[in-house]
C-alpha atoms as a PDB file:
ATOM      1  CA  MET A   1      10.382 -21.173  17.085  1.00  0.00           C
ATOM      2  CA  LEU A   2       8.476 -21.228  13.905  1.00  0.00           C
ATOM      3  CA  TYR A   3       4.726 -23.077  14.016  1.00  0.00           C
ATOM      4  CA  PHE A   4       1.661 -22.490  11.689  1.00  0.00           C
ATOM      5  CA  ASP A   5      -1.491 -21.699  13.319  1.00  0.00           C
ATOM      6  CA  TRP A   6      -4.819 -21.166  11.267  1.00  0.00           C
ATOM      7  CA  LYS A   7      -6.117 -18.877  13.596  1.00  0.00           C
ATOM      8  CA  GLU A   8      -3.240 -16.684  13.717  1.00  0.00           C
ATOM      9  CA  PHE A   9      -2.959 -16.912   9.850  1.00  0.00           C
ATOM     10  CA  VAL A  10      -6.639 -15.950   9.073  1.00  0.00           C
ATOM     11  CA  GLY A  11      -6.220 -13.137  11.663  1.00  0.00           C
ATOM     12  CA  ALA A  12      -3.086 -11.665   9.952  1.00  0.00           C
ATOM     13  CA  PHE A  13      -4.682 -12.261   6.549  1.00  0.00           C
ATOM     14  CA  VAL A  14      -7.778 -10.311   7.336  1.00  0.00           C
ATOM     15  CA  VAL A  15      -5.929  -7.469   8.991  1.00  0.00           C
ATOM     16  CA  LEU A  16      -3.348  -7.160   6.193  1.00  0.00           C
ATOM     17  CA  PHE A  17      -6.306  -7.493   3.607  1.00  0.00           C
ATOM     18  CA  ALA A  18      -8.046  -4.373   5.246  1.00  0.00           C
ATOM     19  CA  VAL A  19      -4.914  -2.238   5.484  1.00  0.00           C
ATOM     20  CA  ILE A  20      -3.420  -3.060   1.911  1.00  0.00           C
ATOM     21  CA  ASP A  21      -6.897  -2.742   0.391  1.00  0.00           C
ATOM     22  CA  ILE A  22      -5.749  -3.690  -3.098  1.00  0.00           C
ATOM     23  CA  THR A  23      -9.760  -3.437  -4.301  1.00  0.00           C
ATOM     24  CA  GLY A  24      -9.866  -0.015  -3.193  1.00  0.00           C
ATOM     25  CA  SER A  25      -6.712   0.688  -5.483  1.00  0.00           C
ATOM     26  CA  ILE A  26      -8.260  -0.551  -8.583  1.00  0.00           C
ATOM     27  CA  PRO A  27      -9.318   3.015  -9.794  1.00  0.00           C
ATOM     28  CA  ILE A  28      -5.524   4.180  -9.056  1.00  0.00           C
ATOM     29  CA  ILE A  29      -4.182   1.023 -11.062  1.00  0.00           C
ATOM     30  CA  ILE A  30      -6.432   1.809 -13.870  1.00  0.00           C
ATOM     31  CA  ASP A  31      -5.643   5.631 -13.763  1.00  0.00           C
ATOM     32  CA  LEU A  32      -1.789   4.662 -13.881  1.00  0.00           C
ATOM     33  CA  ARG A  33      -2.437   2.381 -16.956  1.00  0.00           C
ATOM     34  CA  GLN A  34      -4.227   5.364 -18.667  1.00  0.00           C
ATOM     35  CA  LYS A  35      -1.420   7.545 -18.069  1.00  0.00           C
ATOM     36  CA  GLY A  36       0.898   5.055 -20.070  1.00  0.00           C
ATOM     37  CA  ARG A  37       2.362   3.399 -17.135  1.00  0.00           C
ATOM     38  CA  VAL A  38       3.135  -0.383 -17.415  1.00  0.00           C
ATOM     39  CA  ILE A  39       1.413  -2.408 -14.451  1.00  0.00           C
ATOM     40  CA  ARG A  40       3.250  -5.950 -14.244  1.00  0.00           C
ATOM     41  CA  ALA A  41       1.221  -8.120 -12.105  1.00  0.00           C
ATOM     42  CA  GLY A  42       3.994 -10.476 -11.107  1.00  0.00           C
ATOM     43  CA  GLN A  43       6.573  -7.838 -10.622  1.00  0.00           C
ATOM     44  CA  THR A  44       4.169  -5.762  -8.453  1.00  0.00           C
ATOM     45  CA  ALA A  45       3.395  -8.742  -6.006  1.00  0.00           C
ATOM     46  CA  VAL A  46       7.058 -10.173  -5.962  1.00  0.00           C
ATOM     47  CA  TYR A  47       8.396  -6.619  -4.868  1.00  0.00           C
ATOM     48  CA  SER A  48       5.802  -5.801  -2.461  1.00  0.00           C
ATOM     49  CA  LEU A  49       6.298  -9.316  -1.027  1.00  0.00           C
ATOM     50  CA  PHE A  50       9.642  -8.802  -0.761  1.00  0.00           C
ATOM     51  CA  VAL A  51       9.613  -5.333   0.875  1.00  0.00           C
ATOM     52  CA  LEU A  52       6.913  -6.524   3.247  1.00  0.00           C
ATOM     53  CA  VAL A  53       8.727  -9.370   4.407  1.00  0.00           C
ATOM     54  CA  ALA A  54      11.918  -7.445   4.565  1.00  0.00           C
ATOM     55  CA  PHE A  55      10.497  -4.873   6.677  1.00  0.00           C
ATOM     56  CA  LEU A  56       8.872  -7.499   9.081  1.00  0.00           C
ATOM     57  CA  PHE A  57      12.369  -8.614   9.915  1.00  0.00           C
ATOM     58  CA  ALA A  58      14.608  -5.374   9.606  1.00  0.00           C
ATOM     59  CA  GLY A  59      12.153  -2.382   9.376  1.00  0.00           C
ATOM     60  CA  GLU A  60      12.466  -1.119  12.913  1.00  0.00           C
ATOM     61  CA  ALA A  61      16.379  -1.440  12.799  1.00  0.00           C
ATOM     62  CA  LEU A  62      16.555   0.036   9.488  1.00  0.00           C
ATOM     63  CA  LEU A  63      14.471   3.084  10.456  1.00  0.00           C
ATOM     64  CA  GLY A  64      16.717   3.285  13.620  1.00  0.00           C
ATOM     65  CA  LEU A  65      19.578   3.409  11.620  1.00  0.00           C
ATOM     66  CA  PHE A  66      18.436   6.671   9.811  1.00  0.00           C
ATOM     67  CA  SER A  67      17.120   7.923  13.207  1.00  0.00           C
ATOM     68  CA  VAL A  68      13.534   7.689  11.746  1.00  0.00           C
ATOM     69  CA  ASP A  69      10.666   6.518  14.140  1.00  0.00           C
ATOM     70  CA  ILE A  70       7.563   4.884  12.940  1.00  0.00           C
ATOM     71  CA  SER A  71       5.430   7.990  13.344  1.00  0.00           C
ATOM     72  CA  SER A  72       7.793  10.104  11.142  1.00  0.00           C
ATOM     73  CA  PHE A  73       7.696   7.308   8.557  1.00  0.00           C
ATOM     74  CA  ALA A  74       3.851   7.127   8.862  1.00  0.00           C
ATOM     75  CA  ILE A  75       3.548  10.792   8.161  1.00  0.00           C
ATOM     76  CA  ALA A  76       5.955  10.658   5.203  1.00  0.00           C
ATOM     77  CA  GLY A  77       3.723   7.957   3.668  1.00  0.00           C
ATOM     78  CA  GLY A  78       0.555   9.647   4.501  1.00  0.00           C
ATOM     79  CA  ILE A  79       1.769  12.757   2.494  1.00  0.00           C
ATOM     80  CA  VAL A  80       2.531  10.524  -0.660  1.00  0.00           C
ATOM     81  CA  ILE A  81      -1.014   8.979  -0.317  1.00  0.00           C
ATOM     82  CA  PHE A  82      -2.415  12.401   0.091  1.00  0.00           C
ATOM     83  CA  ILE A  83      -0.721  13.474  -3.285  1.00  0.00           C
ATOM     84  CA  VAL A  84      -1.892  10.298  -5.013  1.00  0.00           C
ATOM     85  CA  GLY A  85      -5.430  11.076  -3.756  1.00  0.00           C
ATOM     86  CA  MET A  86      -5.181  14.682  -5.106  1.00  0.00           C
ATOM     87  CA  GLU A  87      -3.860  13.520  -8.368  1.00  0.00           C
ATOM     88  CA  MET A  88      -7.271  11.227  -8.793  1.00  0.00           C
ATOM     89  CA  LEU A  89      -9.620  14.023  -7.376  1.00  0.00           C
ATOM     90  CA  LEU A  90      -8.222  17.014  -9.552  1.00  0.00           C
ATOM     91  CA  GLY A  91      -7.186  14.931 -12.483  1.00  0.00           C
ATOM     92  CA  ILE A  92      -3.568  16.479 -12.241  1.00  0.00           C
ATOM     93  CA  GLU A  93      -0.219  14.607 -12.607  1.00  0.00           C
ATOM     94  CA  ILE A  94       2.209  15.252  -9.848  1.00  0.00           C
ATOM     95  CA  PHE A  95       4.108  12.032 -10.032  1.00  0.00           C
ATOM     96  CA  LYS A  96       5.643  12.816 -13.232  1.00  0.00           C
ATOM     97  CA  ASN A  97       6.488   9.760 -15.586  1.00  0.00           C
ATOM     98  CA  ASN A  98       9.922  10.939 -16.204  1.00  0.00           C
ATOM     99  CA  GLY A  99      11.318   7.321 -16.871  1.00  0.00           C
ATOM    100  CA  PRO A 100      11.511   5.544 -19.935  1.00  0.00           C
ATOM    101  CA  LYS A 101       8.457   5.144 -22.077  1.00  0.00           C
ATOM    102  CA  ASN A 102       6.102   2.371 -20.772  1.00  0.00           C
ATOM    103  CA  SER A 103       8.065   2.275 -17.543  1.00  0.00           C
ATOM    104  CA  THR A 104       6.458   0.283 -14.611  1.00  0.00           C
ATOM    105  CA  ALA A 105       4.512   2.002 -11.991  1.00  0.00           C
ATOM    106  CA  LEU A 106       6.410   0.765  -8.895  1.00  0.00           C
ATOM    107  CA  VAL A 107       5.867   4.082  -7.342  1.00  0.00           C
ATOM    108  CA  PRO A 108       3.244   4.661  -6.134  1.00  0.00           C
ATOM    109  CA  LEU A 109       1.724   1.155  -6.629  1.00  0.00           C
ATOM    110  CA  VAL A 110       4.435  -0.937  -4.696  1.00  0.00           C
ATOM    111  CA  PHE A 111       5.251   1.990  -2.363  1.00  0.00           C
ATOM    112  CA  PRO A 112       3.186   3.460  -0.643  1.00  0.00           C
ATOM    113  CA  LEU A 113      -0.158   1.793  -1.647  1.00  0.00           C
ATOM    114  CA  ILE A 114       0.543  -1.889  -1.204  1.00  0.00           C
ATOM    115  CA  ALA A 115       3.740  -1.817   0.909  1.00  0.00           C
ATOM    116  CA  GLY A 116       3.387   1.647   2.750  1.00  0.00           C
ATOM    117  CA  ALA A 117       3.407   3.147   6.115  1.00  0.00           C
ATOM    118  CA  GLY A 118       0.086   1.504   6.901  1.00  0.00           C
ATOM    119  CA  SER A 119       1.225  -2.149   5.990  1.00  0.00           C
ATOM    120  CA  PHE A 120       4.635  -1.632   7.864  1.00  0.00           C
ATOM    121  CA  THR A 121       3.033  -0.410  11.113  1.00  0.00           C
ATOM    122  CA  THR A 122       0.496  -3.206  10.927  1.00  0.00           C
ATOM    123  CA  LEU A 123       3.431  -5.808  10.415  1.00  0.00           C
ATOM    124  CA  LEU A 124       5.169  -4.442  13.445  1.00  0.00           C
ATOM    125  CA  SER A 125       2.150  -4.688  15.478  1.00  0.00           C
ATOM    126  CA  LEU A 126       1.295  -8.205  14.344  1.00  0.00           C
ATOM    127  CA  ARG A 127       5.092  -9.172  15.009  1.00  0.00           C
ATOM    128  CA  SER A 128       4.489  -8.811  18.783  1.00  0.00           C
ATOM    129  CA  GLU A 129       1.444 -11.188  18.650  1.00  0.00           C
ATOM    130  CA  TYR A 130       1.768 -13.674  15.971  1.00  0.00           C
ATOM    131  CA  ASN A 131       4.422 -15.963  14.850  1.00  0.00           C
ATOM    132  CA  TYR A 132       6.485 -15.088  11.920  1.00  0.00           C
ATOM    133  CA  LEU A 133       5.428 -18.100   9.761  1.00  0.00           C
ATOM    134  CA  ASN A 134       1.789 -17.163  10.012  1.00  0.00           C
ATOM    135  CA  ILE A 135       2.619 -13.522   9.398  1.00  0.00           C
ATOM    136  CA  ILE A 136       4.717 -14.359   6.089  1.00  0.00           C
ATOM    137  CA  SER A 137       1.974 -16.793   5.171  1.00  0.00           C
ATOM    138  CA  ALA A 138      -0.730 -14.132   5.430  1.00  0.00           C
ATOM    139  CA  VAL A 139       1.363 -11.772   3.494  1.00  0.00           C
ATOM    140  CA  ALA A 140       2.152 -14.258   0.783  1.00  0.00           C
ATOM    141  CA  VAL A 141      -1.520 -15.016   0.364  1.00  0.00           C
ATOM    142  CA  ASN A 142      -2.352 -11.468   0.102  1.00  0.00           C
ATOM    143  CA  MET A 143       0.258 -10.821  -2.538  1.00  0.00           C
ATOM    144  CA  LEU A 144      -1.536 -13.704  -4.589  1.00  0.00           C
ATOM    145  CA  VAL A 145      -4.874 -11.607  -4.160  1.00  0.00           C
ATOM    146  CA  VAL A 146      -2.962  -8.673  -5.266  1.00  0.00           C
ATOM    147  CA  TYR A 147      -1.408 -10.405  -8.504  1.00  0.00           C
ATOM    148  CA  ILE A 148      -5.069 -11.827  -9.444  1.00  0.00           C
ATOM    149  CA  ILE A 149      -6.511  -8.303  -9.082  1.00  0.00           C
ATOM    150  CA  VAL A 150      -3.548  -6.523 -10.889  1.00  0.00           C
ATOM    151  CA  ARG A 151      -3.372  -9.381 -13.585  1.00  0.00           C
ATOM    152  CA  ASN A 152      -6.919  -8.968 -14.414  1.00  0.00           C
ATOM    153  CA  ILE A 153      -7.170  -5.051 -14.277  1.00  0.00           C
ATOM    154  CA  GLY A 154      -8.142  -4.649 -18.116  1.00  0.00           C
ATOM    155  CA  TRP A 155     -10.927  -7.064 -17.624  1.00  0.00           C
ATOM    156  CA  ILE A 156     -12.212  -5.126 -14.622  1.00  0.00           C
ATOM    157  CA  GLU A 157     -11.616  -1.755 -16.402  1.00  0.00           C
ATOM    158  CA  LYS A 158     -13.822  -2.922 -19.236  1.00  0.00           C
ATOM    159  CA  LYS A 159     -16.641  -4.321 -16.918  1.00  0.00           C
ATOM    160  CA  ILE A 160     -16.676  -0.968 -14.974  1.00  0.00           C
ATOM    161  CA  GLY A 161     -16.571   1.317 -18.313  1.00  0.00           C
ATOM    162  CA  SER A 162     -15.394   4.935 -18.416  1.00  0.00           C
ATOM    163  CA  GLY A 163     -18.043   6.485 -16.401  1.00  0.00           C
ATOM    164  CA  GLY A 164     -17.705   4.092 -13.542  1.00  0.00           C
ATOM    165  CA  ILE A 165     -14.025   4.582 -13.680  1.00  0.00           C
ATOM    166  CA  TYR A 166     -14.712   8.299 -13.381  1.00  0.00           C
ATOM    167  CA  ILE A 167     -16.946   7.886 -10.440  1.00  0.00           C
ATOM    168  CA  LEU A 168     -14.557   5.369  -8.690  1.00  0.00           C
ATOM    169  CA  ARG A 169     -11.643   7.550  -9.256  1.00  0.00           C
ATOM    170  CA  ASN A 170     -13.167  10.721  -7.608  1.00  0.00           C
ATOM    171  CA  PHE A 171     -14.767   8.362  -4.772  1.00  0.00           C
ATOM    172  CA  PHE A 172     -11.521   6.821  -3.907  1.00  0.00           C
ATOM    173  CA  GLY A 173      -9.575  10.161  -4.297  1.00  0.00           C
ATOM    174  CA  ILE A 174     -11.424  11.426  -1.485  1.00  0.00           C
ATOM    175  CA  ILE A 175     -11.063   8.157   0.458  1.00  0.00           C
ATOM    176  CA  LEU A 176      -7.454   8.336   0.067  1.00  0.00           C
ATOM    177  CA  LEU A 177      -7.251  12.056   1.367  1.00  0.00           C
ATOM    178  CA  ALA A 178      -9.155  11.083   4.285  1.00  0.00           C
ATOM    179  CA  ILE A 179      -6.920   8.049   4.941  1.00  0.00           C
ATOM    180  CA  ALA A 180      -3.985  10.388   4.463  1.00  0.00           C
ATOM    181  CA  VAL A 181      -5.196  12.900   6.855  1.00  0.00           C
ATOM    182  CA  LYS A 182      -5.835  10.442   9.503  1.00  0.00           C
ATOM    183  CA  LEU A 183      -2.386   8.882   9.078  1.00  0.00           C
ATOM    184  CA  ILE A 184      -0.910  12.073   9.311  1.00  0.00           C
ATOM    185  CA  THR A 185      -2.850  13.805  12.119  1.00  0.00           C
ATOM    186  CA  SER A 186      -2.897  10.682  14.357  1.00  0.00           C
ATOM    187  CA  ASN A 187       0.978  10.060  14.034  1.00  0.00           C
ATOM    188  CA  LEU A 188       1.713  13.766  14.258  1.00  0.00           C
ATOM    189  CA  GLY A 189       0.057  13.602  17.713  1.00  0.00           C
ATOM    190  CA  ILE A 190       2.409  10.810  18.790  1.00  0.00           C
ATOM    191  CA  LEU A 191       5.397  12.536  17.324  1.00  0.00           C
ATOM    192  CA  LEU A 192       4.547  15.907  19.019  1.00  0.00           C
ATOM    193  CA  GLY A 193       3.897  13.944  22.352  1.00  0.00           C
ATOM    194  CA  SER A 194       7.141  12.569  22.175  1.00  0.00           C
ATOM    195  CA  PHE A 195       8.770  16.056  22.034  1.00  0.00           C
ATOM    196  CA  GLY A 196       6.649  17.077  25.209  1.00  0.00           C
END
């Protein structure tokens, strides 16, 4: 039975906002723009919303279909986040933009930064505690925040300046590496424990 509860909605929103961390992704979005990738705010928010809601309902079954557990999926997402962090920190390009010129940056923006292993595992955790309607509402409002930030990234870039962008890119590169290492090591322990 679906029902709306403000307390559940706020709780789910805050947890997802912290995990998605779109404000922490600002340097990555700016970096993608500088590499000639097109960042479409509406497309980013809608695709992320679709992926997250789809995973909320079918994620566990989908992973089971491929005999992939949550820990393995989280480790794979952690590796991608690690690579993005290395790109930012070292100023190298690993995710080659081999698509058409001015192609959209759905990878790595939609996956794994917005709709990634952290978001997916969080959704599965919330599903056991909150009503679906409250979780979906929290996801939708988070995607509205994503849209607003991505839509105004040019203005944010001007306000920060090139020096600020350089500092933020290096700082958040280290943060992403730390998040990736934590994601990989914590889930690696679970994965190895399951073999024992």
